[in-house]
Protein backbone atom coordinates (compact mmCIF):
# COMPACT_ATOMS: atom_id res chain seq x y z
CA MET A 1 -7.04 5.37 -43.89
CA ASN A 2 -4.65 8.19 -42.97
CA GLU A 3 -7.48 10.14 -41.36
CA LEU A 4 -8.53 7.07 -39.35
CA ILE A 5 -4.98 6.56 -38.07
CA LEU A 6 -4.71 10.23 -37.17
CA PHE A 7 -8.02 10.17 -35.31
CA ALA A 8 -7.05 7.02 -33.34
CA TYR A 9 -3.65 8.50 -32.51
CA ILE A 10 -5.01 11.87 -31.37
CA PHE A 11 -7.71 10.13 -29.33
CA SER A 12 -5.09 7.91 -27.65
CA LEU A 13 -2.87 10.89 -26.87
CA SER A 14 -5.88 12.75 -25.48
CA ILE A 15 -6.59 9.94 -23.03
CA ILE A 16 -2.91 9.81 -22.07
CA LEU A 17 -2.85 13.58 -21.57
CA LEU A 18 -6.04 13.47 -19.51
CA PHE A 19 -4.62 10.96 -17.05
CA SER A 20 -1.05 12.27 -17.09
CA SER A 21 -2.23 15.81 -16.30
CA HIS A 22 -3.33 14.47 -12.94
CA GLY A 23 0.29 14.97 -11.97
CA PHE A 24 -0.27 18.74 -12.11
CA ILE A 25 -3.26 18.35 -9.77
CA MET A 26 -1.21 16.30 -7.32
CA LEU A 27 1.56 18.89 -7.34
CA TYR A 28 -0.96 21.70 -6.75
CA TYR A 29 -2.29 19.97 -3.63
CA HIS A 30 1.24 18.97 -2.67
CA ASN A 31 2.23 22.62 -2.45
CA LYS A 32 -1.03 23.55 -0.75
CA TYR A 33 -0.73 20.95 2.04
CA LYS A 34 2.95 20.92 2.90
CA LYS A 35 2.57 20.63 6.65
CA GLU A 36 1.82 17.35 8.38
CA ILE A 37 -1.77 17.35 9.61
CA HIS A 38 -1.78 14.20 11.72
CA LYS A 39 -1.13 14.55 15.43
CA ALA A 40 -0.09 11.55 17.48
CA ASP A 41 -1.08 10.72 21.05
CA GLU A 42 1.87 8.68 22.25
CA ASP A 43 0.14 7.36 25.37
CA SER A 44 -3.27 6.59 23.96
CA LEU A 45 -3.58 2.95 22.92
CA PHE A 46 -0.61 0.93 24.08
CA ASN A 47 -2.82 -1.08 26.45
CA LYS A 48 -4.88 -2.49 23.56
CA ILE A 49 -4.55 -6.04 22.26
CA VAL A 50 -3.08 -6.16 18.75
CA THR A 51 -3.20 -9.06 16.32
CA ILE A 52 -0.44 -9.21 13.72
CA GLN A 53 -1.39 -11.22 10.63
CA LEU A 54 1.29 -12.66 8.36
CA PRO A 55 -0.38 -14.01 5.19
CA MET A 56 1.93 -16.16 3.07
CA TYR A 57 2.07 -18.75 0.33
CA ASN A 58 5.30 -20.68 -0.31
CA GLU A 59 7.81 -18.27 1.23
CA MET A 60 10.57 -20.60 2.46
CA TYR A 61 13.38 -18.06 2.00
CA VAL A 62 11.94 -15.13 3.94
CA VAL A 63 9.46 -16.54 6.46
CA GLU A 64 11.93 -16.95 9.32
CA ARG A 65 13.25 -13.43 8.79
CA LEU A 66 9.70 -12.08 8.90
CA ILE A 67 8.67 -13.91 12.08
CA ASP A 68 11.90 -12.93 13.84
CA SER A 69 11.35 -9.31 12.86
CA VAL A 70 7.74 -9.27 14.08
CA CYS A 71 8.72 -10.79 17.39
CA GLU A 72 11.22 -7.96 17.92
CA ILE A 73 8.52 -5.28 17.73
CA ASP A 74 8.48 -3.21 20.90
CA TYR A 75 5.12 -4.10 22.46
CA ASP A 76 3.90 -5.90 25.56
CA LYS A 77 3.87 -9.67 24.88
CA ASP A 78 0.66 -10.00 26.87
CA LYS A 79 -1.06 -7.61 24.47
CA LEU A 80 0.29 -9.12 21.25
CA GLU A 81 -1.07 -11.99 19.16
CA ILE A 82 0.70 -13.20 16.01
CA GLN A 83 -1.14 -15.21 13.35
CA VAL A 84 0.92 -16.90 10.65
CA LEU A 85 -1.68 -17.40 7.92
CA ASP A 86 0.04 -20.09 5.92
CA ASP A 87 -1.44 -21.40 2.65
CA SER A 88 1.83 -23.03 1.61
CA THR A 89 2.14 -26.25 -0.32
CA ASP A 90 5.92 -26.67 -0.06
CA SER A 91 8.47 -26.92 2.76
CA THR A 92 7.48 -23.46 3.97
CA PHE A 93 4.90 -25.26 6.12
CA GLU A 94 7.58 -27.19 8.04
CA ILE A 95 9.79 -24.11 8.40
CA VAL A 96 6.87 -22.08 9.79
CA ALA A 97 5.83 -24.86 12.15
CA ALA A 98 9.33 -25.08 13.62
CA LYS A 99 9.72 -21.31 13.91
CA VAL A 100 6.29 -20.89 15.53
CA LYS A 101 7.13 -23.59 18.08
CA GLU A 102 10.41 -21.85 18.85
CA LYS A 103 8.65 -18.53 19.47
CA GLN A 104 5.91 -20.16 21.55
CA GLU A 105 8.57 -21.58 23.86
CA LEU A 106 9.89 -18.04 24.27
CA GLY A 107 6.47 -16.91 25.51
CA PHE A 108 4.98 -15.38 22.36
CA ASP A 109 1.28 -15.76 21.64
CA ILE A 110 1.83 -16.98 18.09
CA VAL A 111 -0.32 -19.44 16.12
CA HIS A 112 0.16 -21.26 12.84
CA ILE A 113 -3.07 -21.30 10.81
CA HIS A 114 -2.62 -23.53 7.78
CA ARG A 115 -5.16 -23.86 4.96
CA THR A 116 -5.00 -26.51 2.27
CA ASP A 117 -7.56 -25.13 -0.22
CA ARG A 118 -6.34 -21.49 -0.59
CA SER A 119 -9.89 -20.37 -1.29
CA GLY A 120 -10.13 -16.61 -1.65
CA PHE A 121 -6.33 -16.42 -1.80
CA LYS A 122 -4.92 -13.66 0.45
CA ALA A 123 -8.37 -12.21 1.21
CA GLY A 124 -9.56 -15.66 2.25
CA ALA A 125 -6.59 -16.18 4.56
CA LEU A 126 -7.01 -12.78 6.21
CA LYS A 127 -10.73 -13.34 6.71
CA GLU A 128 -10.13 -16.79 8.19
CA GLY A 129 -7.64 -15.37 10.68
CA LEU A 130 -9.92 -12.47 11.58
CA LYS A 131 -12.58 -14.91 12.78
CA VAL A 132 -10.42 -15.91 15.74
CA ALA A 133 -8.31 -12.75 16.12
CA LYS A 134 -8.14 -11.48 19.69
CA GLY A 135 -6.94 -7.99 18.87
CA GLU A 136 -8.92 -4.78 18.70
CA PHE A 137 -6.34 -3.73 16.11
CA VAL A 138 -4.94 -5.81 13.25
CA ALA A 139 -1.52 -5.20 11.68
CA ILE A 140 -0.66 -6.94 8.41
CA PHE A 141 2.73 -7.74 6.88
CA ASP A 142 3.49 -9.61 3.68
CA ALA A 143 6.35 -12.08 3.71
CA ASP A 144 8.88 -9.71 2.12
CA PHE A 145 8.50 -6.98 4.77
CA LEU A 146 10.62 -6.20 7.83
CA PRO A 147 8.66 -4.07 10.32
CA LYS A 148 10.69 -1.77 12.52
CA LYS A 149 10.71 -2.19 16.29
CA ASP A 150 8.64 0.94 16.90
CA PHE A 151 6.04 0.08 14.25
CA LEU A 152 3.09 -0.48 16.60
CA LYS A 153 3.80 2.44 18.90
CA THR A 154 4.17 4.72 15.89
CA THR A 155 0.96 3.63 14.17
CA LEU A 156 -1.28 3.07 17.20
CA SER A 157 -0.56 6.57 18.48
CA HIS A 158 -2.49 7.94 15.47
CA PHE A 159 -5.79 6.27 16.32
CA THR A 160 -6.88 9.45 18.07
CA HIS A 161 -10.51 9.46 16.89
CA PRO A 162 -13.17 6.70 16.99
CA LYS A 163 -13.66 6.90 13.20
CA ILE A 164 -10.01 6.37 12.29
CA GLY A 165 -10.03 2.90 10.79
CA MET A 166 -6.57 2.38 9.30
CA VAL A 167 -3.04 3.78 9.53
CA GLN A 168 -0.61 3.08 6.66
CA THR A 169 3.18 3.50 6.60
CA ARG A 170 5.27 4.20 3.52
CA TRP A 171 7.10 1.34 1.85
CA GLU A 172 10.88 1.51 2.01
CA HIS A 173 12.98 -0.47 -0.48
CA MET A 174 15.64 -2.56 1.23
CA ASN A 175 17.17 -3.82 -2.05
CA GLU A 176 16.71 -0.69 -4.16
CA ASP A 177 20.37 -0.60 -5.23
CA TYR A 178 20.58 -4.25 -6.24
CA SER A 179 20.10 -3.62 -9.96
CA MET A 180 18.82 -1.15 -12.52
CA LEU A 181 15.45 -2.95 -12.40
CA THR A 182 15.06 -2.41 -8.65
CA LYS A 183 16.15 1.24 -8.94
CA ILE A 184 13.48 1.88 -11.58
CA GLN A 185 10.83 0.16 -9.46
CA ALA A 186 11.76 2.32 -6.47
CA LEU A 187 11.46 5.48 -8.55
CA ALA A 188 8.04 4.39 -9.81
CA LEU A 189 6.69 3.36 -6.40
CA ASN A 190 7.87 6.60 -4.82
CA GLY A 191 5.41 8.45 -7.02
CA HIS A 192 2.57 6.64 -5.29
CA PHE A 193 3.98 6.51 -1.77
CA VAL A 194 5.61 9.93 -1.48
CA ILE A 195 3.15 12.06 -3.46
CA GLU A 196 -0.18 10.35 -4.19
CA GLN A 197 -0.85 8.75 -0.81
CA SER A 198 0.34 11.75 1.17
CA VAL A 199 -1.43 14.38 -0.92
CA ARG A 200 -4.73 12.52 -1.11
CA ASN A 201 -4.74 11.97 2.62
CA LYS A 202 -3.99 15.60 3.48
CA ALA A 203 -6.54 16.90 0.96
CA GLY A 204 -9.33 14.69 2.31
CA PHE A 205 -9.49 12.28 -0.64
CA PHE A 206 -9.65 8.49 -0.45
CA ILE A 207 -6.39 6.59 -0.03
CA ASN A 208 -5.84 2.86 -0.07
CA PHE A 209 -4.33 0.37 2.31
CA ASN A 210 -1.32 -1.00 0.44
CA GLY A 211 -1.89 -4.60 1.45
CA THR A 212 0.85 -4.59 4.08
CA GLY A 213 2.72 -2.26 6.43
CA GLY A 214 -0.43 -0.89 8.04
CA VAL A 215 -2.78 -1.31 11.00
CA TRP A 216 -6.57 -1.68 10.85
CA LYS A 217 -9.15 -1.28 13.55
CA LYS A 218 -10.86 -4.67 13.54
CA SER A 219 -14.32 -3.11 13.82
CA CYS A 220 -13.61 -1.08 10.68
CA ILE A 221 -12.88 -4.22 8.64
CA GLU A 222 -16.05 -5.87 9.89
CA ASP A 223 -18.23 -2.79 9.41
CA ALA A 224 -17.01 -2.39 5.81
CA GLY A 225 -18.04 -5.93 4.90
CA ASN A 226 -14.82 -7.80 5.76
CA TRP A 227 -12.24 -9.07 3.28
CA GLN A 228 -13.79 -10.08 -0.04
CA ALA A 229 -12.21 -12.17 -2.79
CA ASP A 230 -14.19 -11.01 -5.83
CA THR A 231 -11.24 -8.83 -6.92
CA ILE A 232 -7.52 -9.61 -6.82
CA THR A 233 -6.76 -6.31 -5.08
CA GLU A 234 -8.60 -7.02 -1.86
CA ASP A 235 -6.74 -4.18 -0.14
CA LEU A 236 -8.00 -1.50 -2.53
CA ASP A 237 -11.50 -2.94 -2.44
CA LEU A 238 -11.78 -2.93 1.37
CA SER A 239 -10.17 0.52 1.59
CA PHE A 240 -12.83 2.13 -0.57
CA ARG A 241 -15.69 0.26 1.09
CA ALA A 242 -14.48 1.39 4.52
CA GLN A 243 -14.13 5.05 3.51
CA LEU A 244 -17.54 4.95 1.83
CA ARG A 245 -18.85 3.91 5.25
CA GLY A 246 -17.35 7.05 6.79
CA TRP A 247 -14.11 5.64 8.20
CA LYS A 248 -11.02 7.83 8.07
CA PHE A 249 -7.52 6.70 7.10
CA ILE A 250 -4.13 8.14 8.03
CA TYR A 251 -1.00 7.91 5.91
CA LEU A 252 2.41 8.31 7.54
CA ARG A 253 4.78 9.39 4.80
CA ASP A 254 7.74 9.82 7.13
CA ASN A 255 7.37 6.44 8.84
CA THR A 256 8.60 3.59 6.69
CA THR A 257 8.47 -0.18 6.59
CA PRO A 258 11.25 -1.88 4.57
CA ALA A 259 10.35 -4.39 1.87
CA GLU A 260 12.00 -6.43 -0.87
CA LEU A 261 11.42 -5.41 -4.49
CA PRO A 262 11.02 -8.08 -7.21
CA LEU A 263 14.40 -8.95 -8.67
CA GLU A 264 13.45 -10.25 -12.10
CA ILE A 265 11.16 -9.00 -14.81
CA ASN A 266 8.66 -11.87 -15.02
CA ALA A 267 7.85 -11.59 -11.31
CA LEU A 268 7.44 -7.84 -11.75
CA LYS A 269 5.16 -8.36 -14.77
CA ALA A 270 2.97 -10.74 -12.74
CA GLN A 271 2.80 -8.21 -9.90
CA GLN A 272 1.93 -5.35 -12.26
CA PHE A 273 -0.69 -7.52 -13.97
CA ARG A 274 -2.35 -8.28 -10.63
CA TRP A 275 -2.35 -4.66 -9.47
CA THR A 276 -3.65 -3.37 -12.81
CA LYS A 277 -6.37 -5.96 -13.26
CA GLY A 278 -7.45 -5.77 -9.62
CA ALA A 279 -7.87 -1.99 -9.79
CA ILE A 280 -10.09 -2.35 -12.86
CA GLU A 281 -12.15 -5.02 -11.08
CA THR A 282 -12.50 -2.81 -8.03
CA GLY A 283 -13.48 0.14 -10.18
CA LYS A 284 -16.24 -1.86 -11.87
CA LYS A 285 -17.48 -3.01 -8.48
CA LEU A 286 -17.40 0.27 -6.58
CA MET A 287 -17.64 3.18 -9.03
CA PRO A 288 -21.46 3.11 -9.07
CA ILE A 289 -21.48 3.21 -5.26
CA VAL A 290 -19.00 6.11 -5.23
CA TRP A 291 -21.18 8.19 -7.55
CA ARG A 292 -24.41 7.37 -5.69
CA SER A 293 -22.84 8.44 -2.39
CA ASN A 294 -23.09 11.83 -0.69
CA LEU A 295 -19.40 12.59 -1.18
CA ASN A 296 -18.51 15.98 -2.63
CA TRP A 297 -17.64 16.14 -6.31
CA LYS A 298 -13.90 16.60 -5.75
CA VAL A 299 -13.69 13.39 -3.74
CA LYS A 300 -15.75 11.56 -6.35
CA LEU A 301 -13.50 12.75 -9.17
CA GLN A 302 -10.35 11.75 -7.29
CA ALA A 303 -11.84 8.35 -6.48
CA THR A 304 -12.72 7.94 -10.16
CA TYR A 305 -9.15 8.68 -11.23
CA HIS A 306 -7.81 6.40 -8.50
CA LEU A 307 -9.91 3.47 -9.68
CA THR A 308 -9.64 4.00 -13.43
CA ASN A 309 -6.16 5.40 -14.20
CA ASN A 310 -4.91 2.01 -15.41
CA ILE A 311 -7.26 2.32 -18.37
CA VAL A 312 -4.49 4.44 -19.94
CA PHE A 313 -2.31 1.39 -20.79
CA PRO A 314 -4.21 0.22 -23.91
CA PHE A 315 -3.95 3.77 -25.24
CA ILE A 316 -0.19 3.86 -24.58
CA LEU A 317 0.07 0.60 -26.52
CA LEU A 318 -2.05 1.96 -29.36
CA ALA A 319 0.01 5.17 -29.49
CA GLY A 320 3.19 3.11 -29.71
CA ILE A 321 1.83 1.09 -32.61
CA LEU A 322 0.54 4.14 -34.47
CA ASN A 323 3.76 6.09 -33.95
CA VAL A 324 5.38 4.21 -36.84
CA PRO A 325 2.87 4.85 -39.68
CA LEU A 326 2.50 8.42 -38.42
CA ILE A 327 6.05 9.23 -39.55
CA PHE A 328 5.18 8.25 -43.10
CA ILE A 329 1.80 10.01 -43.00
CA LYS A 330 3.39 13.26 -41.86
CA ASN A 331 5.77 13.19 -44.79
CA SER A 332 3.19 12.29 -47.42
CA GLY A 333 0.26 14.65 -46.84
CA PRO A 334 -0.88 18.17 -45.91
CA TYR A 335 -1.01 17.66 -42.15
CA ASP A 336 1.60 20.17 -40.94
CA ASN A 337 -0.82 22.32 -38.95
CA LEU A 338 -2.31 19.27 -37.28
CA PHE A 339 1.09 17.94 -36.27
CA ASN A 340 2.10 21.35 -34.96
CA PHE A 341 -1.02 21.35 -32.77
CA MET A 342 -0.17 17.87 -31.49
CA SER A 343 2.90 19.29 -29.77
CA ILE A 344 0.55 20.21 -26.91
CA PHE A 345 0.70 16.59 -25.86
CA ILE A 346 4.23 17.18 -24.58
CA LEU A 347 2.41 18.42 -21.47
CA ALA A 348 1.78 14.77 -20.57
CA PHE A 349 5.52 14.17 -20.44
CA ILE A 350 6.17 17.37 -18.46
CA SER A 351 3.48 16.56 -15.91
CA THR A 352 4.83 13.05 -15.40
CA PHE A 353 8.41 14.27 -15.06
CA LEU A 354 7.56 16.92 -12.45
CA PHE A 355 5.46 14.43 -10.51
CA TYR A 356 8.29 11.90 -10.21
CA LEU A 357 10.87 14.63 -9.65
CA HIS A 358 9.08 15.79 -6.50
CA ALA A 359 8.54 12.18 -5.41
CA GLN A 360 12.33 11.79 -5.18
CA LYS A 361 13.19 15.32 -4.08
CA ASP A 362 10.91 15.30 -1.04
CA VAL A 363 12.49 12.37 0.78
CA TYR A 364 15.93 11.62 -0.71
CA LEU A 365 19.14 13.62 -0.46
CA ASP A 366 20.43 11.99 -3.66
CA TRP A 367 17.29 12.86 -5.62
CA ARG A 368 19.30 14.26 -8.54
CA LYS A 369 20.91 10.88 -9.08
CA LYS A 370 17.57 9.09 -8.87
CA ILE A 371 15.72 11.36 -11.30
CA THR A 372 18.33 10.74 -14.00
CA LEU A 373 16.69 7.33 -14.37
CA PHE A 374 13.42 8.95 -15.47
CA PRO A 375 13.88 8.30 -19.24
CA ILE A 376 14.55 4.62 -18.52
CA PHE A 377 11.47 4.53 -16.30
CA MET A 378 9.36 6.06 -19.09
CA ALA A 379 10.70 3.53 -21.58
CA GLY A 380 9.94 0.72 -19.14
CA SER A 381 6.40 2.01 -18.63
CA MET A 382 5.91 1.89 -22.40
CA GLY A 383 7.43 -1.59 -22.49
CA PHE A 384 4.91 -2.76 -19.89
CA ALA A 385 1.99 -1.45 -21.96
CA LEU A 386 1.24 -4.84 -23.52
CA ASN A 387 1.34 -6.71 -20.19
CA ASN A 388 -0.84 -4.15 -18.43
CA SER A 389 -3.23 -3.75 -21.37
CA ARG A 390 -3.98 -7.47 -21.13
CA ALA A 391 -4.74 -6.95 -17.45
CA VAL A 392 -7.09 -4.04 -18.22
CA ILE A 393 -8.96 -6.05 -20.85
CA GLU A 394 -9.33 -9.09 -18.57
CA GLY A 395 -10.59 -6.84 -15.80
CA LEU A 396 -13.14 -5.17 -18.06
CA LEU A 397 -14.32 -8.55 -19.37
CA SER A 398 -14.60 -9.92 -15.79
CA ARG A 399 -12.26 -12.81 -16.52
CA LYS A 400 -11.27 -14.37 -13.21
CA SER A 401 -7.69 -15.38 -12.56
CA GLU A 402 -5.55 -16.76 -9.78
CA PHE A 403 -3.80 -14.50 -7.27
CA VAL A 404 -0.23 -14.96 -8.54
CA ARG A 405 2.22 -14.32 -5.71
CA THR A 406 5.41 -12.37 -6.25
CA PRO A 407 8.32 -14.73 -5.41
CA LYS A 408 10.69 -13.57 -2.68
CA TYR A 409 14.40 -14.42 -2.75
CA LYS A 410 15.88 -12.80 0.38
CA VAL A 411 18.39 -11.00 -1.81
CA ALA A 412 19.49 -7.45 -1.08
CA ALA A 413 23.25 -7.04 -1.64
CA LYS A 414 24.59 -6.67 -5.17
CA GLY A 415 26.76 -9.77 -4.86
CA ASP A 416 23.86 -12.04 -3.90
CA ASN A 417 22.77 -14.58 -6.51
CA TYR A 418 19.22 -15.88 -6.88
CA SER A 419 19.52 -18.06 -10.00
CA LYS A 420 19.43 -21.29 -7.96
CA ASN A 421 16.38 -20.16 -5.99
CA ILE A 422 13.59 -22.73 -6.32
CA TYR A 423 10.94 -20.09 -6.98
CA PHE A 424 13.09 -18.49 -9.67
CA GLN A 425 13.42 -21.86 -11.37
CA LYS A 426 9.63 -22.25 -11.36
CA THR A 427 8.82 -18.76 -12.65
CA LYS A 428 7.40 -19.03 -16.16
CA VAL A 429 8.22 -16.77 -19.08
CA ASP A 430 4.92 -15.39 -20.34
CA SER A 431 4.26 -15.78 -24.05
CA SER A 432 3.72 -12.02 -24.24
CA ALA A 433 7.54 -11.69 -24.21
CA PHE A 434 7.61 -12.85 -27.83
CA VAL A 435 4.94 -10.30 -28.78
CA GLU A 436 6.98 -7.60 -27.01
CA LEU A 437 10.01 -8.64 -29.06
CA ILE A 438 8.00 -8.27 -32.26
CA LEU A 439 6.79 -4.85 -31.11
CA ALA A 440 10.39 -3.82 -30.41
CA LEU A 441 11.42 -4.76 -33.94
CA TYR A 442 8.38 -2.96 -35.30
CA CYS A 443 9.16 0.20 -33.32
CA PHE A 444 12.72 0.08 -34.64
CA ILE A 445 11.22 0.85 -38.04
CA GLY A 446 9.88 4.05 -36.49
CA VAL A 447 13.38 4.90 -35.21
CA GLY A 448 14.83 4.40 -38.70
CA ALA A 449 12.03 6.38 -40.35
CA SER A 450 12.47 9.27 -37.91
CA ILE A 451 16.16 9.45 -38.76
CA TYR A 452 15.52 9.11 -42.51
CA PHE A 453 12.91 11.89 -42.56
CA MET A 454 14.86 13.97 -40.01
CA GLU A 455 11.90 13.96 -37.60
CA ILE A 456 14.09 14.78 -34.63
CA ALA A 457 11.18 15.73 -32.36
CA SER A 458 9.61 12.28 -32.66
CA LEU A 459 12.89 10.35 -32.33
CA PRO A 460 13.03 10.29 -28.46
CA PHE A 461 9.56 8.76 -28.25
CA GLN A 462 10.31 6.24 -31.01
CA LEU A 463 13.46 5.28 -29.11
CA MET A 464 11.59 4.91 -25.82
CA PHE A 465 8.98 2.60 -27.32
CA PHE A 466 11.68 0.57 -29.08
CA GLY A 467 13.85 0.47 -25.97
CA GLY A 468 10.93 -0.27 -23.65
CA PHE A 469 9.60 -3.24 -25.58
CA GLY A 470 13.14 -4.39 -26.34
CA ILE A 471 14.34 -4.32 -22.73
CA VAL A 472 11.20 -5.93 -21.31
CA SER A 473 11.25 -8.75 -23.89
CA PHE A 474 15.01 -9.27 -23.53
CA LEU A 475 14.87 -9.50 -19.73
CA SER A 476 11.83 -11.78 -19.90
CA LEU A 477 13.47 -14.22 -22.33
CA ARG A 478 16.84 -13.96 -20.57
CA GLN A 479 15.32 -15.74 -17.59
CA ASN A 480 15.12 -19.01 -19.53
CA PHE A 481 18.82 -18.73 -20.34
CA LEU A 482 19.72 -18.09 -16.70
CA LYS A 483 17.63 -21.04 -15.55
CA LYS A 484 19.36 -23.35 -18.03
CA GLN A 485 22.80 -22.08 -17.03
CA SER A 486 21.95 -22.59 -13.37
CA ALA A 487 20.72 -26.12 -14.03
CA LYS A 488 23.97 -27.01 -15.82
CA SER A 489 26.09 -25.75 -12.93
């Protein structure tokens, strides 16, 4: 039995090391391609008609802010069409209708397209709007985004070649300092937006449209097969299909679009579940096409990592579970040489740390303050292993699920309260929170065993698994308490 546990543990760590070492590859290309390679032509396309699509589902708190922001974009009204793609089933519909009427009276070409069946979810809404879109270019913003006034002139100026199909801006976090949870999310997302997207784009690898904050050439969407709803990450799916067709994307790291981060853990878990499962679904759908294509092997390998890296979560979960018996095995058998060899897996931690260090250092003056949160981020990533492992398994088994929206609260300042928000009251605590609590208690045994056997080297990882599962379960279950307290008041 001990040998079986050791084999499973080493295999899990090997998978984790394999995917974590990608951070070294990203940093290599990051240093190789430091200069910006994209040149803008500021006078090139400002006479083109642009359609702005605003897909939404039950967004009563932020929809007016979004529409107001879009209408302030610096672009000729005669060349601008705004589609509010509204699948709402609550009072958002009435709020949108009134706001659209107000903007129409001010001379904006804005339409309210309301669906009652929500078929295809976001992909279905975008496809429905595209059928009647007037624009040669299509910009997309989710309900929690606030595009800047120069958004169109910044992005359109980069369509300098007929085969450029999409331009993506970097997400900025308007409520990053609201809580520890939002600070950790910002740190995590910066890894993708500051390093991954930028490096892949400069090195000639595939990048993905991030679902919002970008502009598509309409002909690119249509040529790639249009929006499809057979995965729950329709943005990743269309991005890869378009680039497989020869379209080129541009990522603007230094041009940002502000957005609201999820404020509570259950909304974040639902978002992470959707992103993780959708990537697995997209990988199953497109990996065979990627490898049958004429792309060079480096692009194929990067695309493979891009589409499959979420597969690491079940192995993180397994490593966390096996960490506990491993303490006892180490102190009951002749495995010293093997455990000494296993220290090589610290490279996974080093690679991850350096990756996120540069993601903060490259764009923030207070990067030292931000990177101090790295241990908490690592613990949180471990705590999310159960949630994301479920997503991986469902994706691999082709189990279909609903596109669960991330509720928006229009909360940014620290003093703002969202406990009475209708969407917060309706957010359900997933039953996995109780399993995470059990895992936290289980991992606490590993903490105690590490102290008892004086296994100081293993103690930080035992603490991170214990803390990760403990914090995630506590915050998940705490929501019920807050809802009850809010109801009483």
